[in-house]
PDB file of N, CA and C in Angstrom:
ATOM      1  N   MET A   1      50.228 115.822  71.869  1.00  0.00           N
ATOM      2  CA  MET A   1      50.638 117.102  71.333  1.00  0.00           C
ATOM      3  C   MET A   1      51.289 116.915  69.976  1.00  0.00           C
ATOM      4  N   LYS A   2      51.139 117.899  69.178  1.00  0.00           N
ATOM      5  CA  LYS A   2      51.732 117.832  67.851  1.00  0.00           C
ATOM      6  C   LYS A   2      53.240 118.059  67.945  1.00  0.00           C
ATOM      7  N   PRO A   3      53.999 117.479  67.027  1.00  0.00           N
ATOM      8  CA  PRO A   3      55.460 117.597  67.093  1.00  0.00           C
ATOM      9  C   PRO A   3      55.956 119.038  67.048  1.00  0.00           C
ATOM     10  N   PHE A   4      55.291 119.899  66.291  1.00  0.00           N
ATOM     11  CA  PHE A   4      55.728 121.289  66.216  1.00  0.00           C
ATOM     12  C   PHE A   4      55.575 121.987  67.559  1.00  0.00           C
ATOM     13  N   ARG A   5      54.493 121.716  68.267  1.00  0.00           N
ATOM     14  CA  ARG A   5      54.279 122.328  69.580  1.00  0.00           C
ATOM     15  C   ARG A   5      55.303 121.821  70.592  1.00  0.00           C
ATOM     16  N   VAL A   6      55.609 120.543  70.538  1.00  0.00           N
ATOM     17  CA  VAL A   6      56.607 119.979  71.449  1.00  0.00           C
ATOM     18  C   VAL A   6      57.971 120.610  71.184  1.00  0.00           C
ATOM     19  N   LEU A   7      58.344 120.739  69.923  1.00  0.00           N
ATOM     20  CA  LEU A   7      59.613 121.349  69.561  1.00  0.00           C
ATOM     21  C   LEU A   7      59.648 122.813  69.994  1.00  0.00           C
ATOM     22  N   SER A   8      58.565 123.552  69.757  1.00  0.00           N
ATOM     23  CA  SER A   8      58.514 124.963  70.149  1.00  0.00           C
ATOM     24  C   SER A   8      58.627 125.127  71.653  1.00  0.00           C
ATOM     25  N   LEU A   9      57.914 124.311  72.402  1.00  0.00           N
ATOM     26  CA  LEU A   9      57.965 124.381  73.855  1.00  0.00           C
ATOM     27  C   LEU A   9      59.359 124.026  74.366  1.00  0.00           C
ATOM     28  N   SER A  10      59.990 123.031  73.758  1.00  0.00           N
ATOM     29  CA  SER A  10      61.341 122.642  74.162  1.00  0.00           C
ATOM     30  C   SER A  10      62.333 123.763  73.918  1.00  0.00           C
ATOM     31  N   LEU A  11      62.241 124.416  72.773  1.00  0.00           N
ATOM     32  CA  LEU A  11      63.144 125.516  72.467  1.00  0.00           C
ATOM     33  C   LEU A  11      62.936 126.699  73.406  1.00  0.00           C
ATOM     34  N   VAL A  12      61.702 127.017  73.722  1.00  0.00           N
ATOM     35  CA  VAL A  12      61.421 128.123  74.641  1.00  0.00           C
ATOM     36  C   VAL A  12      61.975 127.820  76.027  1.00  0.00           C
ATOM     37  N   LEU A  13      61.780 126.600  76.507  1.00  0.00           N
ATOM     38  CA  LEU A  13      62.300 126.233  77.825  1.00  0.00           C
ATOM     39  C   LEU A  13      63.824 126.230  77.849  1.00  0.00           C
ATOM     40  N   ALA A  14      64.452 125.763  76.777  1.00  0.00           N
ATOM     41  CA  ALA A  14      65.911 125.765  76.708  1.00  0.00           C
ATOM     42  C   ALA A  14      66.461 127.182  76.691  1.00  0.00           C
ATOM     43  N   MET A  15      65.819 128.075  75.949  1.00  0.00           N
ATOM     44  CA  MET A  15      66.281 129.467  75.909  1.00  0.00           C
ATOM     45  C   MET A  15      66.066 130.151  77.253  1.00  0.00           C
ATOM     46  N   ALA A  16      64.987 129.835  77.942  1.00  0.00           N
ATOM     47  CA  ALA A  16      64.741 130.416  79.258  1.00  0.00           C
ATOM     48  C   ALA A  16      65.773 129.925  80.265  1.00  0.00           C
ATOM     49  N   ALA A  17      66.146 128.659  80.174  1.00  0.00           N
ATOM     50  CA  ALA A  17      67.159 128.122  81.078  1.00  0.00           C
ATOM     51  C   ALA A  17      68.522 128.741  80.815  1.00  0.00           C
ATOM     52  N   GLN A  18      68.818 129.055  79.557  1.00  0.00           N
ATOM     53  CA  GLN A  18      70.090 129.703  79.226  1.00  0.00           C
ATOM     54  C   GLN A  18      70.129 131.142  79.715  1.00  0.00           C
ATOM     55  N   ALA A  19      68.986 131.799  79.813  1.00  0.00           N
ATOM     56  CA  ALA A  19      68.945 133.199  80.227  1.00  0.00           C
ATOM     57  C   ALA A  19      69.030 133.367  81.734  1.00  0.00           C
ATOM     58  N   MET A  20      68.748 132.330  82.503  1.00  0.00           N
ATOM     59  CA  MET A  20      68.766 132.457  83.960  1.00  0.00           C
ATOM     60  C   MET A  20      70.132 132.831  84.525  1.00  0.00           C
ATOM     61  N   PRO A  21      71.248 132.213  84.130  1.00  0.00           N
ATOM     62  CA  PRO A  21      72.532 132.646  84.686  1.00  0.00           C
ATOM     63  C   PRO A  21      72.872 134.089  84.328  1.00  0.00           C
ATOM     64  N   ALA A  22      72.497 134.527  83.130  1.00  0.00           N
ATOM     65  CA  ALA A  22      72.772 135.906  82.742  1.00  0.00           C
ATOM     66  C   ALA A  22      71.984 136.884  83.600  1.00  0.00           C
ATOM     67  N   SER A  23      70.746 136.570  83.925  1.00  0.00           N
ATOM     68  CA  SER A  23      69.966 137.477  84.761  1.00  0.00           C
ATOM     69  C   SER A  23      70.477 137.482  86.189  1.00  0.00           C
ATOM     70  N   ALA A  24      71.047 136.379  86.661  1.00  0.00           N
ATOM     71  CA  ALA A  24      71.617 136.349  88.003  1.00  0.00           C
ATOM     72  C   ALA A  24      72.873 137.211  88.067  1.00  0.00           C
ATOM     73  N   GLU A  25      73.676 137.232  87.009  1.00  0.00           N
ATOM     74  CA  GLU A  25      74.865 138.069  86.992  1.00  0.00           C
ATOM     75  C   GLU A  25      74.490 139.540  86.930  1.00  0.00           C
ATOM     76  N   LEU A  26      73.427 139.878  86.222  1.00  0.00           N
ATOM     77  CA  LEU A  26      73.022 141.262  86.106  1.00  0.00           C
ATOM     78  C   LEU A  26      72.463 141.816  87.405  1.00  0.00           C
ATOM     79  N   SER A  27      71.967 140.949  88.272  1.00  0.00           N
ATOM     80  CA  SER A  27      71.370 141.432  89.509  1.00  0.00           C
ATOM     81  C   SER A  27      72.413 141.868  90.523  1.00  0.00           C
ATOM     82  N   GLY A  28      73.694 141.648  90.247  1.00  0.00           N
ATOM     83  CA  GLY A  28      74.741 142.115  91.127  1.00  0.00           C
ATOM     84  C   GLY A  28      75.137 141.124  92.197  1.00  0.00           C
ATOM     85  N   GLU A  29      74.618 139.906  92.138  1.00  0.00           N
ATOM     86  CA  GLU A  29      74.997 138.913  93.116  1.00  0.00           C
ATOM     87  C   GLU A  29      76.420 138.455  92.829  1.00  0.00           C
ATOM     88  N   SER A  30      77.159 138.152  93.890  1.00  0.00           N
ATOM     89  CA  SER A  30      78.527 137.700  93.670  1.00  0.00           C
ATOM     90  C   SER A  30      78.521 136.240  93.247  1.00  0.00           C
ATOM     91  N   SER A  31      79.645 135.796  92.682  1.00  0.00           N
ATOM     92  CA  SER A  31      79.719 134.425  92.195  1.00  0.00           C
ATOM     93  C   SER A  31      80.183 133.451  93.260  1.00  0.00           C
ATOM     94  N   THR A  32      80.419 133.915  94.482  1.00  0.00           N
ATOM     95  CA  THR A  32      80.810 133.012  95.556  1.00  0.00           C
ATOM     96  C   THR A  32      79.756 133.041  96.645  1.00  0.00           C
ATOM     97  N   THR A  33      79.722 131.992  97.425  1.00  0.00           N
ATOM     98  CA  THR A  33      78.713 131.872  98.459  1.00  0.00           C
ATOM     99  C   THR A  33      79.112 132.547  99.749  1.00  0.00           C
ATOM    100  N   GLY A  34      80.351 132.937  99.903  1.00  0.00           N
ATOM    101  CA  GLY A  34      80.821 133.504 101.146  1.00  0.00           C
ATOM    102  C   GLY A  34      81.472 132.462 102.029  1.00  0.00           C
ATOM    103  N   ASP A  35      81.251 131.202 101.742  1.00  0.00           N
ATOM    104  CA  ASP A  35      81.883 130.125 102.483  1.00  0.00           C
ATOM    105  C   ASP A  35      83.254 129.892 101.878  1.00  0.00           C
ATOM    106  N   ALA A  36      84.271 129.877 102.717  1.00  0.00           N
ATOM    107  CA  ALA A  36      85.640 129.771 102.214  1.00  0.00           C
ATOM    108  C   ALA A  36      85.940 128.398 101.626  1.00  0.00           C
ATOM    109  N   THR A  37      85.194 127.376 102.001  1.00  0.00           N
ATOM    110  CA  THR A  37      85.511 126.039 101.501  1.00  0.00           C
ATOM    111  C   THR A  37      84.791 125.698 100.212  1.00  0.00           C
ATOM    112  N   TYR A  38      83.784 126.447  99.844  1.00  0.00           N
ATOM    113  CA  TYR A  38      83.035 126.099  98.633  1.00  0.00           C
ATOM    114  C   TYR A  38      82.796 127.361  97.825  1.00  0.00           C
ATOM    115  N   GLN A  39      83.287 127.378  96.600  1.00  0.00           N
ATOM    116  CA  GLN A  39      83.105 128.525  95.735  1.00  0.00           C
ATOM    117  C   GLN A  39      82.424 128.073  94.457  1.00  0.00           C
ATOM    118  N   ILE A  40      81.495 128.870  93.982  1.00  0.00           N
ATOM    119  CA  ILE A  40      80.728 128.526  92.792  1.00  0.00           C
ATOM    120  C   ILE A  40      81.270 129.322  91.612  1.00  0.00           C
ATOM    121  N   GLN A  41      81.504 128.647  90.520  1.00  0.00           N
ATOM    122  CA  GLN A  41      81.897 129.296  89.283  1.00  0.00           C
ATOM    123  C   GLN A  41      80.734 129.211  88.311  1.00  0.00           C
ATOM    124  N   ASN A  42      80.627 130.175  87.428  1.00  0.00           N
ATOM    125  CA  ASN A  42      79.569 130.171  86.412  1.00  0.00           C
ATOM    126  C   ASN A  42      80.211 130.080  85.031  1.00  0.00           C
ATOM    127  N   PRO A  43      80.575 128.860  84.607  1.00  0.00           N
ATOM    128  CA  PRO A  43      81.207 128.727  83.301  1.00  0.00           C
ATOM    129  C   PRO A  43      80.187 128.878  82.179  1.00  0.00           C
ATOM    130  N   PRO A  44      80.642 129.344  81.011  1.00  0.00           N
ATOM    131  CA  PRO A  44      79.729 129.459  79.863  1.00  0.00           C
ATOM    132  C   PRO A  44      79.385 128.083  79.298  1.00  0.00           C
ATOM    133  N   ALA A  45      78.376 128.048  78.454  1.00  0.00           N
ATOM    134  CA  ALA A  45      77.876 126.790  77.897  1.00  0.00           C
ATOM    135  C   ALA A  45      78.925 126.080  77.051  1.00  0.00           C
ATOM    136  N   TYR A  46      79.707 126.824  76.273  1.00  0.00           N
ATOM    137  CA  TYR A  46      80.709 126.168  75.432  1.00  0.00           C
ATOM    138  C   TYR A  46      81.791 125.504  76.286  1.00  0.00           C
ATOM    139  N   ALA A  47      82.092 126.056  77.460  1.00  0.00           N
ATOM    140  CA  ALA A  47      83.060 125.422  78.347  1.00  0.00           C
ATOM    141  C   ALA A  47      82.505 124.125  78.918  1.00  0.00           C
ATOM    142  N   MET A  48      81.209 124.121  79.212  1.00  0.00           N
ATOM    143  CA  MET A  48      80.581 122.897  79.722  1.00  0.00           C
ATOM    144  C   MET A  48      80.568 121.804  78.663  1.00  0.00           C
ATOM    145  N   ILE A  49      80.262 122.174  77.429  1.00  0.00           N
ATOM    146  CA  ILE A  49      80.214 121.194  76.343  1.00  0.00           C
ATOM    147  C   ILE A  49      81.606 120.626  76.075  1.00  0.00           C
ATOM    148  N   GLY A  50      82.601 121.490  76.011  1.00  0.00           N
ATOM    149  CA  GLY A  50      83.972 121.023  75.802  1.00  0.00           C
ATOM    150  C   GLY A  50      84.456 120.146  76.935  1.00  0.00           C
ATOM    151  N   ASP A  51      84.085 120.525  78.159  1.00  0.00           N
ATOM    152  CA  ASP A  51      84.475 119.728  79.319  1.00  0.00           C
ATOM    153  C   ASP A  51      83.830 118.352  79.274  1.00  0.00           C
ATOM    154  N   LEU A  52      82.562 118.308  78.915  1.00  0.00           N
ATOM    155  CA  LEU A  52      81.834 117.040  78.877  1.00  0.00           C
ATOM    156  C   LEU A  52      82.340 116.115  77.777  1.00  0.00           C
ATOM    157  N   LEU A  53      82.614 116.669  76.608  1.00  0.00           N
ATOM    158  CA  LEU A  53      82.963 115.835  75.463  1.00  0.00           C
ATOM    159  C   LEU A  53      84.452 115.553  75.318  1.00  0.00           C
ATOM    160  N   VAL A  54      85.309 116.426  75.862  1.00  0.00           N
ATOM    161  CA  VAL A  54      86.746 116.267  75.664  1.00  0.00           C
ATOM    162  C   VAL A  54      87.474 116.008  76.984  1.00  0.00           C
ATOM    163  N   ALA A  55      87.335 116.928  77.923  1.00  0.00           N
ATOM    164  CA  ALA A  55      88.156 116.873  79.129  1.00  0.00           C
ATOM    165  C   ALA A  55      87.796 115.718  80.051  1.00  0.00           C
ATOM    166  N   ARG A  56      86.513 115.497  80.307  1.00  0.00           N
ATOM    167  CA  ARG A  56      86.134 114.431  81.242  1.00  0.00           C
ATOM    168  C   ARG A  56      86.559 113.047  80.773  1.00  0.00           C
ATOM    169  N   PRO A  57      86.329 112.679  79.503  1.00  0.00           N
ATOM    170  CA  PRO A  57      86.819 111.356  79.079  1.00  0.00           C
ATOM    171  C   PRO A  57      88.338 111.223  79.181  1.00  0.00           C
ATOM    172  N   LEU A  58      89.072 112.306  78.864  1.00  0.00           N
ATOM    173  CA  LEU A  58      90.524 112.245  78.983  1.00  0.00           C
ATOM    174  C   LEU A  58      90.957 112.129  80.440  1.00  0.00           C
ATOM    175  N   LEU A  59      90.278 112.830  81.343  1.00  0.00           N
ATOM    176  CA  LEU A  59      90.625 112.753  82.765  1.00  0.00           C
ATOM    177  C   LEU A  59      90.282 111.393  83.360  1.00  0.00           C
ATOM    178  N   ILE A  60      89.182 110.804  82.928  1.00  0.00           N
ATOM    179  CA  ILE A  60      88.838 109.458  83.399  1.00  0.00           C
ATOM    180  C   ILE A  60      89.867 108.454  82.884  1.00  0.00           C
ATOM    181  N   ALA A  61      90.287 108.602  81.628  1.00  0.00           N
ATOM    182  CA  ALA A  61      91.331 107.727  81.088  1.00  0.00           C
ATOM    183  C   ALA A  61      92.649 107.938  81.831  1.00  0.00           C
ATOM    184  N   ALA A  62      92.969 109.185  82.168  1.00  0.00           N
ATOM    185  CA  ALA A  62      94.190 109.453  82.929  1.00  0.00           C
ATOM    186  C   ALA A  62      94.123 108.835  84.320  1.00  0.00           C
ATOM    187  N   THR A  63      92.941 108.812  84.924  1.00  0.00           N
ATOM    188  CA  THR A  63      92.782 108.182  86.234  1.00  0.00           C
ATOM    189  C   THR A  63      93.009 106.680  86.133  1.00  0.00           C
ATOM    190  N   VAL A  64      92.454 106.048  85.116  1.00  0.00           N
ATOM    191  CA  VAL A  64      92.616 104.599  84.939  1.00  0.00           C
ATOM    192  C   VAL A  64      94.077 104.253  84.632  1.00  0.00           C
ATOM    193  N   VAL A  65      94.703 105.001  83.727  1.00  0.00           N
ATOM    194  CA  VAL A  65      96.109 104.760  83.392  1.00  0.00           C
ATOM    195  C   VAL A  65      96.986 105.038  84.606  1.00  0.00           C
ATOM    196  N   GLY A  66      96.679 106.112  85.345  1.00  0.00           N
ATOM    197  CA  GLY A  66      97.443 106.428  86.552  1.00  0.00           C
ATOM    198  C   GLY A  66      97.333 105.349  87.605  1.00  0.00           C
ATOM    199  N   ALA A  67      96.151 104.748  87.743  1.00  0.00           N
ATOM    200  CA  ALA A  67      95.992 103.645  88.698  1.00  0.00           C
ATOM    201  C   ALA A  67      96.846 102.453  88.284  1.00  0.00           C
ATOM    202  N   GLY A  68      96.885 102.165  86.994  1.00  0.00           N
ATOM    203  CA  GLY A  68      97.739 101.078  86.512  1.00  0.00           C
ATOM    204  C   GLY A  68      99.214 101.360  86.748  1.00  0.00           C
ATOM    205  N   LEU A  69      99.633 102.590  86.452  1.00  0.00           N
ATOM    206  CA  LEU A  69     101.026 102.969  86.691  1.00  0.00           C
ATOM    207  C   LEU A  69     101.360 102.950  88.178  1.00  0.00           C
ATOM    208  N   PHE A  70     100.398 103.334  89.007  1.00  0.00           N
ATOM    209  CA  PHE A  70     100.619 103.311  90.453  1.00  0.00           C
ATOM    210  C   PHE A  70     100.875 101.889  90.935  1.00  0.00           C
ATOM    211  N   VAL A  71     100.112 100.933  90.420  1.00  0.00           N
ATOM    212  CA  VAL A  71     100.307  99.531  90.816  1.00  0.00           C
ATOM    213  C   VAL A  71     101.661  99.025  90.329  1.00  0.00           C
ATOM    214  N   VAL A  72     102.043  99.390  89.107  1.00  0.00           N
ATOM    215  CA  VAL A  72     103.338  98.959  88.576  1.00  0.00           C
ATOM    216  C   VAL A  72     104.481  99.587  89.373  1.00  0.00           C
ATOM    217  N   ALA A  73     104.361 100.841  89.741  1.00  0.00           N
ATOM    218  CA  ALA A  73     105.430 101.544  90.445  1.00  0.00           C
ATOM    219  C   ALA A  73     105.399 101.329  91.951  1.00  0.00           C
ATOM    220  N   LEU A  74     104.411 100.627  92.466  1.00  0.00           N
ATOM    221  CA  LEU A  74     104.249 100.469  93.913  1.00  0.00           C
ATOM    222  C   LEU A  74     105.472  99.875  94.615  1.00  0.00           C
ATOM    223  N   PRO A  75     106.126  98.850  94.082  1.00  0.00           N
ATOM    224  CA  PRO A  75     107.317  98.347  94.792  1.00  0.00           C
ATOM    225  C   PRO A  75     108.428  99.395  94.905  1.00  0.00           C
ATOM    226  N   PHE A  76     108.584 100.194  93.876  1.00  0.00           N
ATOM    227  CA  PHE A  76     109.643 101.195  93.889  1.00  0.00           C
ATOM    228  C   PHE A  76     109.295 102.373  94.803  1.00  0.00           C
ATOM    229  N   THR A  77     108.030 102.781  94.769  1.00  0.00           N
ATOM    230  CA  THR A  77     107.632 103.887  95.641  1.00  0.00           C
ATOM    231  C   THR A  77     107.595 103.457  97.100  1.00  0.00           C
ATOM    232  N   ALA A  78     107.276 102.188  97.356  1.00  0.00           N
ATOM    233  CA  ALA A  78     107.314 101.692  98.735  1.00  0.00           C
ATOM    234  C   ALA A  78     108.745 101.668  99.254  1.00  0.00           C
ATOM    235  N   ALA A  79     109.682 101.280  98.395  1.00  0.00           N
ATOM    236  CA  ALA A  79     111.090 101.280  98.800  1.00  0.00           C
ATOM    237  C   ALA A  79     111.591 102.699  99.043  1.00  0.00           C
ATOM    238  N   GLY A  80     111.083 103.643  98.268  1.00  0.00           N
ATOM    239  CA  GLY A  80     111.495 105.035  98.434  1.00  0.00           C
ATOM    240  C   GLY A  80     110.731 105.773  99.510  1.00  0.00           C
ATOM    241  N   GLY A  81     109.619 105.202  99.973  1.00  0.00           N
ATOM    242  CA  GLY A  81     108.856 105.816 101.054  1.00  0.00           C
ATOM    243  C   GLY A  81     107.904 106.918 100.609  1.00  0.00           C
ATOM    244  N   ASN A  82     107.533 106.953  99.363  1.00  0.00           N
ATOM    245  CA  ASN A  82     106.611 107.998  98.902  1.00  0.00           C
ATOM    246  C   ASN A  82     105.388 107.406  98.202  1.00  0.00           C
ATOM    247  N   VAL A  83     104.778 106.420  98.817  1.00  0.00           N
ATOM    248  CA  VAL A  83     103.586 105.796  98.256  1.00  0.00           C
ATOM    249  C   VAL A  83     102.433 106.793  98.217  1.00  0.00           C
ATOM    250  N   GLY A  84     102.253 107.550  99.294  1.00  0.00           N
ATOM    251  CA  GLY A  84     101.159 108.522  99.358  1.00  0.00           C
ATOM    252  C   GLY A  84     101.265 109.607  98.297  1.00  0.00           C
ATOM    253  N   ALA A  85     102.469 110.123  98.099  1.00  0.00           N
ATOM    254  CA  ALA A  85     102.668 111.183  97.109  1.00  0.00           C
ATOM    255  C   ALA A  85     102.406 110.671  95.695  1.00  0.00           C
ATOM    256  N   SER A  86     102.878 109.454  95.401  1.00  0.00           N
ATOM    257  CA  SER A  86     102.644 108.933  94.052  1.00  0.00           C
ATOM    258  C   SER A  86     101.170 108.592  93.851  1.00  0.00           C
ATOM    259  N   GLY A  87     100.499 108.110  94.886  1.00  0.00           N
ATOM    260  CA  GLY A  87      99.064 107.835  94.782  1.00  0.00           C
ATOM    261  C   GLY A  87      98.262 109.098  94.529  1.00  0.00           C
ATOM    262  N   ARG A  88      98.618 110.175  95.232  1.00  0.00           N
ATOM    263  CA  ARG A  88      97.930 111.449  95.006  1.00  0.00           C
ATOM    264  C   ARG A  88      98.166 111.968  93.596  1.00  0.00           C
ATOM    265  N   ALA A  89      99.424 111.891  93.133  1.00  0.00           N
ATOM    266  CA  ALA A  89      99.752 112.439  91.816  1.00  0.00           C
ATOM    267  C   ALA A  89      99.170 111.618  90.670  1.00  0.00           C
ATOM    268  N   LEU A  90      99.177 110.290  90.808  1.00  0.00           N
ATOM    269  CA  LEU A  90      98.769 109.441  89.690  1.00  0.00           C
ATOM    270  C   LEU A  90      97.286 109.100  89.680  1.00  0.00           C
ATOM    271  N   VAL A  91      96.642 109.047  90.853  1.00  0.00           N
ATOM    272  CA  VAL A  91      95.255 108.591  90.904  1.00  0.00           C
ATOM    273  C   VAL A  91      94.313 109.660  91.446  1.00  0.00           C
ATOM    274  N   VAL A  92      94.644 110.246  92.582  1.00  0.00           N
ATOM    275  CA  VAL A  92      93.705 111.134  93.267  1.00  0.00           C
ATOM    276  C   VAL A  92      93.494 112.447  92.515  1.00  0.00           C
ATOM    277  N   GLU A  93      94.552 113.086  92.078  1.00  0.00           N
ATOM    278  CA  GLU A  93      94.403 114.381  91.397  1.00  0.00           C
ATOM    279  C   GLU A  93      93.626 114.277  90.081  1.00  0.00           C
ATOM    280  N   PRO A  94      93.941 113.322  89.181  1.00  0.00           N
ATOM    281  CA  PRO A  94      93.108 113.199  87.982  1.00  0.00           C
ATOM    282  C   PRO A  94      91.675 112.776  88.300  1.00  0.00           C
ATOM    283  N   GLY A  95      91.519 111.919  89.316  1.00  0.00           N
ATOM    284  CA  GLY A  95      90.169 111.506  89.709  1.00  0.00           C
ATOM    285  C   GLY A  95      89.364 112.651  90.277  1.00  0.00           C
ATOM    286  N   LYS A  96      90.006 113.494  91.067  1.00  0.00           N
ATOM    287  CA  LYS A  96      89.314 114.657  91.622  1.00  0.00           C
ATOM    288  C   LYS A  96      88.915 115.629  90.514  1.00  0.00           C
ATOM    289  N   ALA A  97      89.817 115.819  89.557  1.00  0.00           N
ATOM    290  CA  ALA A  97      89.501 116.713  88.443  1.00  0.00           C
ATOM    291  C   ALA A  97      88.383 116.149  87.569  1.00  0.00           C
ATOM    292  N   ALA A  98      88.284 114.823  87.482  1.00  0.00           N
ATOM    293  CA  ALA A  98      87.257 114.210  86.637  1.00  0.00           C
ATOM    294  C   ALA A  98      85.910 114.121  87.328  1.00  0.00           C
ATOM    295  N   PHE A  99      85.884 113.869  88.638  1.00  0.00           N
ATOM    296  CA  PHE A  99      84.620 113.555  89.286  1.00  0.00           C
ATOM    297  C   PHE A  99      84.140 114.590  90.299  1.00  0.00           C
ATOM    298  N   VAL A 100      85.001 115.450  90.825  1.00  0.00           N
ATOM    299  CA  VAL A 100      84.590 116.407  91.858  1.00  0.00           C
ATOM    300  C   VAL A 100      84.347 117.791  91.272  1.00  0.00           C
ATOM    301  N   ARG A 101      85.094 118.149  90.255  1.00  0.00           N
ATOM    302  CA  ARG A 101      84.996 119.478  89.657  1.00  0.00           C
ATOM    303  C   ARG A 101      83.662 119.646  88.937  1.00  0.00           C
ATOM    304  N   CYS A 102      83.063 120.827  89.045  1.00  0.00           N
ATOM    305  CA  CYS A 102      81.794 121.067  88.360  1.00  0.00           C
ATOM    306  C   CYS A 102      82.021 121.127  86.845  1.00  0.00           C
ATOM    307  N   LEU A 103      80.977 120.922  86.096  1.00  0.00           N
ATOM    308  CA  LEU A 103      81.068 120.855  84.641  1.00  0.00           C
ATOM    309  C   LEU A 103      81.439 122.216  84.075  1.00  0.00           C
ATOM    310  N   GLY A 104      82.585 122.303  83.419  1.00  0.00           N
ATOM    311  CA  GLY A 104      83.049 123.536  82.813  1.00  0.00           C
ATOM    312  C   GLY A 104      83.908 124.396  83.707  1.00  0.00           C
ATOM    313  N   CYS A 105      84.017 124.066  84.985  1.00  0.00           N
ATOM    314  CA  CYS A 105      84.834 124.848  85.915  1.00  0.00           C
ATOM    315  C   CYS A 105      86.306 124.538  85.702  1.00  0.00           C
ATOM    316  N   THR A 106      87.138 125.513  86.038  1.00  0.00           N
ATOM    317  CA  THR A 106      88.572 125.318  85.879  1.00  0.00           C
ATOM    318  C   THR A 106      89.212 124.793  87.161  1.00  0.00           C
ATOM    319  N   GLU A 107      88.572 124.995  88.310  1.00  0.00           N
ATOM    320  CA  GLU A 107      89.097 124.525  89.583  1.00  0.00           C
ATOM    321  C   GLU A 107      88.066 123.645  90.257  1.00  0.00           C
ATOM    322  N   SER A 108      88.537 122.811  91.158  1.00  0.00           N
ATOM    323  CA  SER A 108      87.609 122.007  91.952  1.00  0.00           C
ATOM    324  C   SER A 108      86.846 122.933  92.890  1.00  0.00           C
ATOM    325  N   GLY A 109      85.527 122.795  92.926  1.00  0.00           N
ATOM    326  CA  GLY A 109      84.717 123.695  93.737  1.00  0.00           C
ATOM    327  C   GLY A 109      84.824 123.422  95.217  1.00  0.00           C
ATOM    328  N   TYR A 110      85.233 122.234  95.603  1.00  0.00           N
ATOM    329  CA  TYR A 110      85.319 121.876  97.000  1.00  0.00           C
ATOM    330  C   TYR A 110      86.777 121.841  97.393  1.00  0.00           C
ATOM    331  N   ASN A 111      87.227 122.844  98.116  1.00  0.00           N
ATOM    332  CA  ASN A 111      88.632 122.980  98.472  1.00  0.00           C
ATOM    333  C   ASN A 111      88.850 122.665  99.932  1.00  0.00           C
ATOM    334  N   ARG A 112      88.733 121.437 100.328  1.00  0.00           N
ATOM    335  CA  ARG A 112      88.943 121.041 101.713  1.00  0.00           C
ATOM    336  C   ARG A 112      90.436 120.937 101.980  1.00  0.00           C
ATOM    337  N   GLN A 113      90.865 121.459 103.086  1.00  0.00           N
ATOM    338  CA  GLN A 113      92.280 121.365 103.461  1.00  0.00           C
ATOM    339  C   GLN A 113      92.568 119.982 104.002  1.00  0.00           C
ATOM    340  N   ARG A 114      93.717 119.419 103.612  1.00  0.00           N
ATOM    341  CA  ARG A 114      94.096 118.086 104.085  1.00  0.00           C
ATOM    342  C   ARG A 114      94.725 118.149 105.437  1.00  0.00           C
TER     343      ARG A 114
END
């Protein structure tokens, strides 16, 4: 195929993919599935791009730094009896925000009760 045709086809497919969420919102469907444990958000494209390029790398770095701080603070938290709380705050929460949350969403989509 000629390069112009490939570019034209790519642009048409990209524009069609961008229009699909808008047509789903216009049809009156709700943004949640009805299941209390899993809710779907429909973030805009700019939120997804910002999340991918800015937030995710920072959250992954926060998870790595938090894991290091958790290891350094482990003797003190063990003496105080709050190892679980410090592990959740320093490692699990940033990791969940980096790896479980959908791209561009503000909340984790999977809200399982502990």
